[in-house]
Amino acid sequence: MSAVGVVAASAGGVEKLREGLVQPLLDDGHQVAVILTPTAAAWLDHIGERQRLADLTGLPVRSEPRLPGESSPHPKIDVYVGAPMTANSTAKLALGIADNQALTVLCENVGTTPMIIFPRINAAHARQPAWSSHIDGLRSVGVELIYGDDVWPLVEPRSAGPRDLPWPAIFSALKRHL
């Protein structure tokens, strides 16, 4: 049984994290530890989903750092998956900016623990001049990105309507590391 660290930011689709990724991983026999950005935690708290994730995994859903002297409530992680990640969180990861618990965990493990990232972005994010260097930087240290027209065609902001996240592509990439 592998331990999977599921890290999520406050991007559309995070409300489907349980059924889209966590439950299938558990059904496949893996242990799952969930870490959220502060805003994702607030969103999921608001709809009761954070507690459902904790009940389902049997582990606390973290969004804040431990106190000095506290031991980690999560097991040693074999592979991390960041999904969904915002453009902001993806850029911070590429730059090594660990300003919340979710990014701290990813930044501390980039390049040493297998990592899959799905940046849930739109066409405006991708046009930012620094975006391609962030993507290239993450790839250069072995981060596998769920990115491109084949899995998430980019559209202009607020023009696509609701879309399902590419959970099958994320899960397929993850299985290659388990």
N, C-alpha and C. Protein backbone atom coordinates (compact mmCIF):
# COMPACT_ATOMS: atom_id res chain seq x y z
N MET A 1 0.85 -1.19 0.00
CA MET A 1 0.00 0.00 0.00
C MET A 1 0.89 1.24 0.00
N SER A 2 0.68 2.12 -0.96
CA SER A 2 1.41 3.38 -1.05
C SER A 2 0.66 4.47 -0.32
N ALA A 3 1.41 5.46 0.17
CA ALA A 3 0.80 6.63 0.78
C ALA A 3 0.87 7.77 -0.23
N VAL A 4 -0.29 8.35 -0.51
CA VAL A 4 -0.40 9.42 -1.49
C VAL A 4 -0.74 10.71 -0.77
N GLY A 5 0.04 11.75 -1.01
CA GLY A 5 -0.26 13.07 -0.48
C GLY A 5 -1.04 13.84 -1.53
N VAL A 6 -2.29 14.16 -1.23
CA VAL A 6 -3.14 14.92 -2.14
C VAL A 6 -3.16 16.36 -1.65
N VAL A 7 -2.66 17.26 -2.47
CA VAL A 7 -2.58 18.67 -2.14
C VAL A 7 -3.51 19.42 -3.08
N ALA A 8 -4.33 20.31 -2.55
CA ALA A 8 -5.28 21.03 -3.39
C ALA A 8 -5.35 22.49 -3.01
N ALA A 9 -5.56 23.31 -4.03
CA ALA A 9 -5.71 24.75 -3.86
C ALA A 9 -7.16 25.13 -4.18
N SER A 10 -7.46 26.40 -4.03
CA SER A 10 -8.83 26.89 -4.19
C SER A 10 -9.16 27.18 -5.65
N ALA A 11 -9.13 26.15 -6.45
CA ALA A 11 -9.51 26.24 -7.86
C ALA A 11 -10.83 25.52 -8.05
N GLY A 12 -11.57 25.94 -9.05
CA GLY A 12 -12.81 25.26 -9.35
C GLY A 12 -12.59 23.77 -9.51
N GLY A 13 -13.48 22.98 -8.95
CA GLY A 13 -13.36 21.54 -9.00
C GLY A 13 -12.84 20.95 -7.70
N VAL A 14 -12.26 21.78 -6.83
CA VAL A 14 -11.74 21.25 -5.56
C VAL A 14 -12.87 20.62 -4.73
N GLU A 15 -14.08 21.08 -4.94
CA GLU A 15 -15.21 20.53 -4.20
C GLU A 15 -15.50 19.08 -4.60
N LYS A 16 -14.92 18.62 -5.69
CA LYS A 16 -15.09 17.23 -6.16
C LYS A 16 -13.86 16.38 -5.85
N LEU A 17 -12.97 16.86 -5.00
CA LEU A 17 -11.73 16.15 -4.68
C LEU A 17 -11.99 14.75 -4.12
N ARG A 18 -12.98 14.64 -3.26
CA ARG A 18 -13.26 13.36 -2.61
C ARG A 18 -13.65 12.30 -3.64
N GLU A 19 -14.67 12.59 -4.44
CA GLU A 19 -15.11 11.57 -5.39
C GLU A 19 -14.21 11.46 -6.61
N GLY A 20 -13.54 12.55 -6.98
CA GLY A 20 -12.70 12.53 -8.17
C GLY A 20 -11.35 11.85 -7.98
N LEU A 21 -10.77 11.96 -6.77
CA LEU A 21 -9.42 11.44 -6.57
C LEU A 21 -9.25 10.63 -5.29
N VAL A 22 -9.73 11.16 -4.17
CA VAL A 22 -9.46 10.51 -2.88
C VAL A 22 -10.15 9.15 -2.79
N GLN A 23 -11.43 9.08 -3.10
CA GLN A 23 -12.14 7.80 -3.01
C GLN A 23 -11.56 6.76 -3.96
N PRO A 24 -11.28 7.11 -5.24
CA PRO A 24 -10.66 6.11 -6.12
C PRO A 24 -9.30 5.62 -5.61
N LEU A 25 -8.52 6.48 -5.01
CA LEU A 25 -7.23 6.04 -4.45
C LEU A 25 -7.44 5.08 -3.28
N LEU A 26 -8.38 5.39 -2.42
CA LEU A 26 -8.68 4.50 -1.30
C LEU A 26 -9.22 3.17 -1.80
N ASP A 27 -10.10 3.23 -2.80
CA ASP A 27 -10.66 2.00 -3.38
C ASP A 27 -9.56 1.13 -3.98
N ASP A 28 -8.48 1.77 -4.43
CA ASP A 28 -7.35 1.07 -5.02
C ASP A 28 -6.37 0.56 -3.96
N GLY A 29 -6.69 0.81 -2.68
CA GLY A 29 -5.89 0.27 -1.59
C GLY A 29 -4.78 1.18 -1.08
N HIS A 30 -4.82 2.45 -1.42
CA HIS A 30 -3.78 3.38 -0.98
C HIS A 30 -4.22 4.17 0.25
N GLN A 31 -3.25 4.59 1.02
CA GLN A 31 -3.50 5.51 2.13
C GLN A 31 -3.42 6.92 1.55
N VAL A 32 -4.31 7.80 1.96
CA VAL A 32 -4.37 9.14 1.39
C VAL A 32 -4.34 10.17 2.51
N ALA A 33 -3.41 11.12 2.38
CA ALA A 33 -3.31 12.25 3.30
C ALA A 33 -3.61 13.51 2.49
N VAL A 34 -4.54 14.33 2.97
CA VAL A 34 -4.97 15.52 2.24
C VAL A 34 -4.43 16.77 2.92
N ILE A 35 -3.85 17.66 2.10
CA ILE A 35 -3.34 18.95 2.57
C ILE A 35 -3.95 20.02 1.67
N LEU A 36 -4.47 21.08 2.26
CA LEU A 36 -5.15 22.13 1.51
C LEU A 36 -4.51 23.49 1.73
N THR A 37 -4.60 24.36 0.73
CA THR A 37 -4.25 25.75 0.95
C THR A 37 -5.30 26.33 1.89
N PRO A 38 -4.99 27.44 2.56
CA PRO A 38 -5.98 28.01 3.50
C PRO A 38 -7.32 28.33 2.84
N THR A 39 -7.32 28.87 1.65
CA THR A 39 -8.60 29.20 1.00
C THR A 39 -9.35 27.95 0.60
N ALA A 40 -8.64 26.93 0.10
CA ALA A 40 -9.31 25.67 -0.23
C ALA A 40 -9.92 25.06 1.03
N ALA A 41 -9.22 25.15 2.15
CA ALA A 41 -9.76 24.64 3.42
C ALA A 41 -11.04 25.38 3.79
N ALA A 42 -11.04 26.69 3.63
CA ALA A 42 -12.24 27.47 3.95
C ALA A 42 -13.40 27.08 3.03
N TRP A 43 -13.11 26.92 1.74
CA TRP A 43 -14.16 26.51 0.80
C TRP A 43 -14.74 25.16 1.19
N LEU A 44 -13.87 24.20 1.48
CA LEU A 44 -14.35 22.85 1.79
C LEU A 44 -15.00 22.78 3.17
N ASP A 45 -14.52 23.59 4.12
CA ASP A 45 -15.20 23.68 5.42
C ASP A 45 -16.63 24.17 5.23
N HIS A 46 -16.80 25.16 4.38
CA HIS A 46 -18.11 25.78 4.15
C HIS A 46 -19.15 24.77 3.66
N ILE A 47 -18.72 23.78 2.90
CA ILE A 47 -19.67 22.79 2.38
C ILE A 47 -19.59 21.44 3.10
N GLY A 48 -18.82 21.40 4.19
CA GLY A 48 -18.71 20.18 4.98
C GLY A 48 -17.82 19.11 4.38
N GLU A 49 -17.12 19.44 3.32
CA GLU A 49 -16.34 18.45 2.60
C GLU A 49 -15.01 18.13 3.29
N ARG A 50 -14.47 19.07 4.02
CA ARG A 50 -13.21 18.81 4.72
C ARG A 50 -13.39 17.70 5.77
N GLN A 51 -14.46 17.75 6.52
CA GLN A 51 -14.72 16.72 7.52
C GLN A 51 -15.00 15.38 6.85
N ARG A 52 -15.72 15.40 5.73
CA ARG A 52 -15.96 14.15 5.00
C ARG A 52 -14.65 13.52 4.55
N LEU A 53 -13.71 14.34 4.09
CA LEU A 53 -12.40 13.82 3.67
C LEU A 53 -11.65 13.22 4.86
N ALA A 54 -11.69 13.89 5.99
CA ALA A 54 -11.02 13.38 7.19
C ALA A 54 -11.66 12.06 7.63
N ASP A 55 -12.97 12.00 7.63
CA ASP A 55 -13.67 10.77 8.02
C ASP A 55 -13.32 9.63 7.07
N LEU A 56 -13.27 9.93 5.79
CA LEU A 56 -13.01 8.92 4.77
C LEU A 56 -11.58 8.39 4.86
N THR A 57 -10.61 9.28 5.04
CA THR A 57 -9.20 8.87 5.04
C THR A 57 -8.72 8.39 6.40
N GLY A 58 -9.43 8.80 7.47
CA GLY A 58 -8.98 8.47 8.82
C GLY A 58 -7.81 9.32 9.28
N LEU A 59 -7.52 10.38 8.53
CA LEU A 59 -6.42 11.30 8.86
C LEU A 59 -6.94 12.73 8.87
N PRO A 60 -6.33 13.59 9.69
CA PRO A 60 -6.75 14.99 9.65
C PRO A 60 -6.40 15.62 8.29
N VAL A 61 -7.26 16.50 7.83
CA VAL A 61 -7.00 17.25 6.61
C VAL A 61 -6.27 18.52 7.04
N ARG A 62 -5.02 18.61 6.65
CA ARG A 62 -4.17 19.70 7.13
C ARG A 62 -4.25 20.93 6.24
N SER A 63 -4.19 22.09 6.88
CA SER A 63 -4.04 23.35 6.16
C SER A 63 -3.15 24.31 6.95
N GLU A 64 -2.78 23.91 8.14
CA GLU A 64 -1.92 24.74 8.98
C GLU A 64 -0.72 23.91 9.42
N PRO A 65 0.42 24.59 9.68
CA PRO A 65 1.60 23.84 10.14
C PRO A 65 1.41 23.29 11.55
N ARG A 66 2.21 22.28 11.86
CA ARG A 66 2.20 21.72 13.22
C ARG A 66 2.88 22.71 14.16
N LEU A 67 2.56 22.56 15.42
CA LEU A 67 3.26 23.32 16.45
C LEU A 67 4.62 22.69 16.71
N PRO A 68 5.59 23.46 17.19
CA PRO A 68 6.89 22.87 17.51
C PRO A 68 6.72 21.69 18.47
N GLY A 69 7.40 20.62 18.19
CA GLY A 69 7.33 19.43 19.04
C GLY A 69 6.23 18.46 18.69
N GLU A 70 5.26 18.87 17.86
CA GLU A 70 4.19 17.96 17.44
C GLU A 70 4.71 17.03 16.36
N SER A 71 4.31 15.77 16.43
CA SER A 71 4.69 14.84 15.36
C SER A 71 3.70 14.96 14.21
N SER A 72 4.14 14.54 13.04
CA SER A 72 3.29 14.62 11.85
C SER A 72 2.10 13.67 11.98
N PRO A 73 0.90 14.15 11.68
CA PRO A 73 -0.26 13.27 11.73
C PRO A 73 -0.39 12.43 10.45
N HIS A 74 0.46 12.70 9.47
CA HIS A 74 0.41 11.99 8.19
C HIS A 74 1.58 11.02 8.06
N PRO A 75 1.38 9.95 7.32
CA PRO A 75 2.48 8.99 7.09
C PRO A 75 3.52 9.58 6.13
N LYS A 76 4.64 8.88 5.99
CA LYS A 76 5.63 9.25 4.97
C LYS A 76 4.97 9.04 3.61
N ILE A 77 5.04 10.05 2.77
CA ILE A 77 4.34 10.03 1.49
C ILE A 77 5.24 9.47 0.40
N ASP A 78 4.67 8.59 -0.43
CA ASP A 78 5.40 7.98 -1.54
C ASP A 78 5.30 8.80 -2.82
N VAL A 79 4.20 9.49 -3.01
CA VAL A 79 3.99 10.32 -4.20
C VAL A 79 3.00 11.43 -3.84
N TYR A 80 3.25 12.61 -4.38
CA TYR A 80 2.35 13.75 -4.18
C TYR A 80 1.61 14.05 -5.47
N VAL A 81 0.36 14.46 -5.31
CA VAL A 81 -0.41 14.96 -6.44
C VAL A 81 -1.05 16.28 -6.02
N GLY A 82 -0.77 17.32 -6.77
CA GLY A 82 -1.36 18.63 -6.53
C GLY A 82 -2.47 18.85 -7.54
N ALA A 83 -3.71 18.71 -7.09
CA ALA A 83 -4.83 18.84 -8.02
C ALA A 83 -6.10 19.17 -7.25
N PRO A 84 -6.81 20.18 -7.65
CA PRO A 84 -6.39 21.19 -8.61
C PRO A 84 -5.46 22.21 -7.95
N MET A 85 -4.59 22.77 -8.75
CA MET A 85 -3.72 23.84 -8.28
C MET A 85 -4.06 25.11 -9.06
N THR A 86 -4.04 26.24 -8.39
CA THR A 86 -4.26 27.51 -9.06
C THR A 86 -2.99 27.94 -9.80
N ALA A 87 -3.12 28.92 -10.68
CA ALA A 87 -1.94 29.49 -11.34
C ALA A 87 -1.00 30.06 -10.28
N ASN A 88 -1.56 30.70 -9.27
CA ASN A 88 -0.77 31.30 -8.21
C ASN A 88 0.04 30.24 -7.44
N SER A 89 -0.63 29.17 -7.03
CA SER A 89 0.07 28.12 -6.28
C SER A 89 1.10 27.40 -7.14
N THR A 90 0.80 27.20 -8.41
CA THR A 90 1.76 26.57 -9.32
C THR A 90 2.99 27.44 -9.49
N ALA A 91 2.79 28.74 -9.67
CA ALA A 91 3.92 29.66 -9.82
C ALA A 91 4.75 29.70 -8.53
N LYS A 92 4.08 29.73 -7.39
CA LYS A 92 4.81 29.74 -6.12
C LYS A 92 5.64 28.47 -5.96
N LEU A 93 5.08 27.32 -6.33
CA LEU A 93 5.83 26.07 -6.25
C LEU A 93 7.07 26.15 -7.14
N ALA A 94 6.92 26.66 -8.34
CA ALA A 94 8.05 26.77 -9.26
C ALA A 94 9.13 27.69 -8.71
N LEU A 95 8.73 28.70 -7.96
CA LEU A 95 9.67 29.67 -7.40
C LEU A 95 10.16 29.30 -6.01
N GLY A 96 9.61 28.23 -5.43
CA GLY A 96 10.02 27.81 -4.10
C GLY A 96 9.43 28.65 -2.99
N ILE A 97 8.30 29.27 -3.23
CA ILE A 97 7.65 30.10 -2.22
C ILE A 97 6.69 29.23 -1.41
N ALA A 98 7.07 28.94 -0.20
CA ALA A 98 6.31 28.04 0.67
C ALA A 98 5.61 28.85 1.75
N ASP A 99 4.57 29.59 1.37
CA ASP A 99 3.92 30.50 2.31
C ASP A 99 2.65 29.94 2.94
N ASN A 100 2.39 28.66 2.75
CA ASN A 100 1.30 28.00 3.46
C ASN A 100 1.65 26.52 3.59
N GLN A 101 0.90 25.77 4.35
CA GLN A 101 1.24 24.37 4.62
C GLN A 101 1.27 23.54 3.35
N ALA A 102 0.30 23.74 2.47
CA ALA A 102 0.24 22.96 1.24
C ALA A 102 1.50 23.18 0.40
N LEU A 103 1.88 24.43 0.21
CA LEU A 103 3.07 24.71 -0.59
C LEU A 103 4.35 24.32 0.13
N THR A 104 4.37 24.41 1.43
CA THR A 104 5.55 23.96 2.18
C THR A 104 5.81 22.48 1.92
N VAL A 105 4.77 21.68 2.00
CA VAL A 105 4.92 20.24 1.78
C VAL A 105 5.43 19.98 0.36
N LEU A 106 4.85 20.64 -0.62
CA LEU A 106 5.30 20.42 -2.00
C LEU A 106 6.72 20.93 -2.21
N CYS A 107 7.01 22.14 -1.73
CA CYS A 107 8.36 22.70 -1.91
C CYS A 107 9.43 21.84 -1.25
N GLU A 108 9.13 21.27 -0.10
CA GLU A 108 10.11 20.43 0.59
C GLU A 108 10.34 19.10 -0.12
N ASN A 109 9.44 18.72 -0.99
CA ASN A 109 9.54 17.42 -1.65
C ASN A 109 9.79 17.49 -3.15
N VAL A 110 9.80 18.68 -3.72
CA VAL A 110 10.02 18.80 -5.16
C VAL A 110 11.42 18.28 -5.50
N GLY A 111 11.49 17.46 -6.52
CA GLY A 111 12.76 16.92 -6.95
C GLY A 111 13.23 15.70 -6.18
N THR A 112 12.56 15.35 -5.08
CA THR A 112 12.97 14.18 -4.30
C THR A 112 11.89 13.13 -4.17
N THR A 113 10.63 13.54 -4.19
CA THR A 113 9.50 12.62 -4.10
C THR A 113 8.70 12.79 -5.39
N PRO A 114 8.28 11.70 -6.03
CA PRO A 114 7.48 11.84 -7.24
C PRO A 114 6.31 12.80 -7.01
N MET A 115 6.07 13.66 -8.02
CA MET A 115 5.05 14.70 -7.87
C MET A 115 4.34 14.93 -9.20
N ILE A 116 3.03 14.99 -9.12
CA ILE A 116 2.17 15.26 -10.27
C ILE A 116 1.38 16.51 -9.94
N ILE A 117 1.36 17.45 -10.86
CA ILE A 117 0.66 18.71 -10.64
C ILE A 117 -0.31 18.97 -11.78
N PHE A 118 -1.56 19.30 -11.44
CA PHE A 118 -2.55 19.74 -12.42
C PHE A 118 -2.85 21.21 -12.16
N PRO A 119 -2.26 22.11 -12.99
CA PRO A 119 -2.59 23.53 -12.86
C PRO A 119 -3.92 23.82 -13.58
N ARG A 120 -4.92 24.13 -12.80
CA ARG A 120 -6.24 24.41 -13.37
C ARG A 120 -6.26 25.88 -13.75
N ILE A 121 -5.79 26.14 -14.95
CA ILE A 121 -5.63 27.53 -15.38
C ILE A 121 -6.50 27.81 -16.60
N ASN A 122 -6.53 29.09 -16.98
CA ASN A 122 -7.23 29.48 -18.20
C ASN A 122 -6.23 30.14 -19.16
N ALA A 123 -6.71 30.55 -20.31
CA ALA A 123 -5.83 31.12 -21.34
C ALA A 123 -5.15 32.40 -20.86
N ALA A 124 -5.82 33.19 -20.05
CA ALA A 124 -5.21 34.43 -19.56
C ALA A 124 -4.01 34.12 -18.66
N HIS A 125 -4.11 33.11 -17.82
CA HIS A 125 -2.98 32.73 -16.98
C HIS A 125 -1.79 32.31 -17.84
N ALA A 126 -2.07 31.52 -18.85
CA ALA A 126 -0.99 30.99 -19.70
C ALA A 126 -0.30 32.09 -20.52
N ARG A 127 -0.99 33.20 -20.75
CA ARG A 127 -0.37 34.32 -21.49
C ARG A 127 0.60 35.14 -20.64
N GLN A 128 0.58 34.95 -19.34
CA GLN A 128 1.48 35.73 -18.49
C GLN A 128 2.92 35.42 -18.90
N PRO A 129 3.77 36.44 -19.00
CA PRO A 129 5.12 36.23 -19.51
C PRO A 129 5.94 35.20 -18.75
N ALA A 130 5.73 35.06 -17.46
CA ALA A 130 6.54 34.13 -16.67
C ALA A 130 5.99 32.71 -16.66
N TRP A 131 4.77 32.50 -17.16
CA TRP A 131 4.12 31.20 -17.01
C TRP A 131 4.95 30.06 -17.59
N SER A 132 5.41 30.21 -18.81
CA SER A 132 6.14 29.10 -19.44
C SER A 132 7.42 28.77 -18.68
N SER A 133 8.06 29.76 -18.08
CA SER A 133 9.26 29.46 -17.29
C SER A 133 8.91 28.69 -16.01
N HIS A 134 7.74 28.95 -15.45
CA HIS A 134 7.30 28.18 -14.28
C HIS A 134 7.09 26.71 -14.66
N ILE A 135 6.42 26.50 -15.78
CA ILE A 135 6.16 25.13 -16.25
C ILE A 135 7.49 24.44 -16.56
N ASP A 136 8.37 25.13 -17.28
CA ASP A 136 9.68 24.55 -17.61
C ASP A 136 10.49 24.23 -16.36
N GLY A 137 10.45 25.12 -15.37
CA GLY A 137 11.19 24.90 -14.13
C GLY A 137 10.70 23.68 -13.39
N LEU A 138 9.40 23.50 -13.31
CA LEU A 138 8.85 22.32 -12.63
C LEU A 138 9.23 21.04 -13.38
N ARG A 139 9.11 21.08 -14.69
CA ARG A 139 9.48 19.89 -15.48
C ARG A 139 10.96 19.57 -15.32
N SER A 140 11.79 20.58 -15.18
CA SER A 140 13.24 20.35 -15.10
C SER A 140 13.66 19.58 -13.85
N VAL A 141 12.81 19.58 -12.83
CA VAL A 141 13.13 18.81 -11.61
C VAL A 141 12.27 17.55 -11.50
N GLY A 142 11.64 17.18 -12.60
CA GLY A 142 10.92 15.91 -12.63
C GLY A 142 9.46 15.96 -12.24
N VAL A 143 8.90 17.14 -12.06
CA VAL A 143 7.47 17.23 -11.75
C VAL A 143 6.69 16.87 -13.02
N GLU A 144 5.77 15.93 -12.88
CA GLU A 144 4.92 15.55 -14.02
C GLU A 144 3.70 16.47 -14.01
N LEU A 145 3.48 17.13 -15.13
CA LEU A 145 2.37 18.06 -15.23
C LEU A 145 1.23 17.47 -16.04
N ILE A 146 0.04 17.61 -15.52
CA ILE A 146 -1.17 17.28 -16.26
C ILE A 146 -1.58 18.60 -16.90
N TYR A 147 -1.14 18.77 -18.12
CA TYR A 147 -1.19 20.09 -18.74
C TYR A 147 -1.18 19.94 -20.26
N GLY A 148 -1.99 20.71 -20.94
CA GLY A 148 -2.01 20.70 -22.40
C GLY A 148 -3.42 20.51 -22.93
N ASP A 149 -3.57 20.81 -24.21
CA ASP A 149 -4.89 20.75 -24.83
C ASP A 149 -5.53 19.37 -24.79
N ASP A 150 -4.71 18.33 -24.72
CA ASP A 150 -5.27 16.98 -24.70
C ASP A 150 -5.97 16.66 -23.38
N VAL A 151 -5.61 17.35 -22.29
CA VAL A 151 -6.25 17.08 -21.00
C VAL A 151 -7.05 18.27 -20.45
N TRP A 152 -6.62 19.49 -20.79
CA TRP A 152 -7.32 20.67 -20.26
C TRP A 152 -7.17 21.82 -21.26
N PRO A 153 -8.01 21.84 -22.30
CA PRO A 153 -7.92 22.93 -23.28
C PRO A 153 -8.15 24.27 -22.59
N LEU A 154 -7.28 25.22 -22.89
CA LEU A 154 -7.37 26.53 -22.27
C LEU A 154 -8.42 27.38 -22.96
N VAL A 155 -9.22 28.04 -22.16
CA VAL A 155 -10.25 28.93 -22.67
C VAL A 155 -10.12 30.27 -21.94
N GLU A 156 -10.76 31.27 -22.47
CA GLU A 156 -10.74 32.58 -21.83
C GLU A 156 -11.50 32.52 -20.50
N PRO A 157 -11.12 33.40 -19.56
CA PRO A 157 -11.77 33.39 -18.25
C PRO A 157 -13.30 33.50 -18.37
N ARG A 158 -13.97 32.69 -17.57
CA ARG A 158 -15.42 32.68 -17.45
C ARG A 158 -16.16 32.44 -18.77
N SER A 159 -15.52 31.76 -19.72
CA SER A 159 -16.21 31.49 -20.99
C SER A 159 -16.54 30.02 -21.20
N ALA A 160 -16.02 29.12 -20.41
CA ALA A 160 -16.22 27.69 -20.65
C ALA A 160 -17.42 27.12 -19.91
N GLY A 161 -17.87 27.79 -18.88
CA GLY A 161 -18.91 27.20 -18.05
C GLY A 161 -18.31 26.10 -17.19
N PRO A 162 -19.14 25.38 -16.46
CA PRO A 162 -18.61 24.32 -15.59
C PRO A 162 -17.98 23.20 -16.42
N ARG A 163 -16.82 22.72 -15.94
CA ARG A 163 -16.14 21.60 -16.60
C ARG A 163 -15.67 20.63 -15.54
N ASP A 164 -15.73 19.37 -15.86
CA ASP A 164 -15.16 18.36 -14.97
C ASP A 164 -13.65 18.42 -15.07
N LEU A 165 -12.98 18.27 -13.95
CA LEU A 165 -11.52 18.22 -13.97
C LEU A 165 -11.09 16.90 -14.61
N PRO A 166 -9.88 16.85 -15.13
CA PRO A 166 -9.41 15.63 -15.80
C PRO A 166 -8.97 14.56 -14.81
N TRP A 167 -9.89 14.16 -13.92
CA TRP A 167 -9.55 13.17 -12.89
C TRP A 167 -8.97 11.90 -13.49
N PRO A 168 -9.52 11.37 -14.59
CA PRO A 168 -8.93 10.15 -15.15
C PRO A 168 -7.45 10.32 -15.55
N ALA A 169 -7.10 11.45 -16.15
CA ALA A 169 -5.70 11.70 -16.53
C ALA A 169 -4.82 11.85 -15.30
N ILE A 170 -5.33 12.50 -14.27
CA ILE A 170 -4.57 12.67 -13.02
C ILE A 170 -4.35 11.30 -12.37
N PHE A 171 -5.40 10.51 -12.30
CA PHE A 171 -5.30 9.19 -11.68
C PHE A 171 -4.37 8.28 -12.48
N SER A 172 -4.45 8.35 -13.79
CA SER A 172 -3.58 7.54 -14.64
C SER A 172 -2.11 7.90 -14.43
N ALA A 173 -1.79 9.18 -14.37
CA ALA A 173 -0.42 9.60 -14.12
C ALA A 173 0.04 9.14 -12.74
N LEU A 174 -0.82 9.24 -11.79
CA LEU A 174 -0.50 8.83 -10.43
C LEU A 174 -0.20 7.34 -10.34
N LYS A 175 -0.98 6.55 -11.04
CA LYS A 175 -0.80 5.09 -11.00
C LYS A 175 0.58 4.67 -11.51
N ARG A 176 1.18 5.45 -12.39
CA ARG A 176 2.52 5.12 -12.89
C ARG A 176 3.57 5.22 -11.78
N HIS A 177 3.25 5.92 -10.70
CA HIS A 177 4.19 6.11 -9.59
C HIS A 177 3.88 5.23 -8.39
N LEU A 178 2.81 4.46 -8.46
CA LEU A 178 2.41 3.66 -7.31
C LEU A 178 2.85 2.21 -7.46
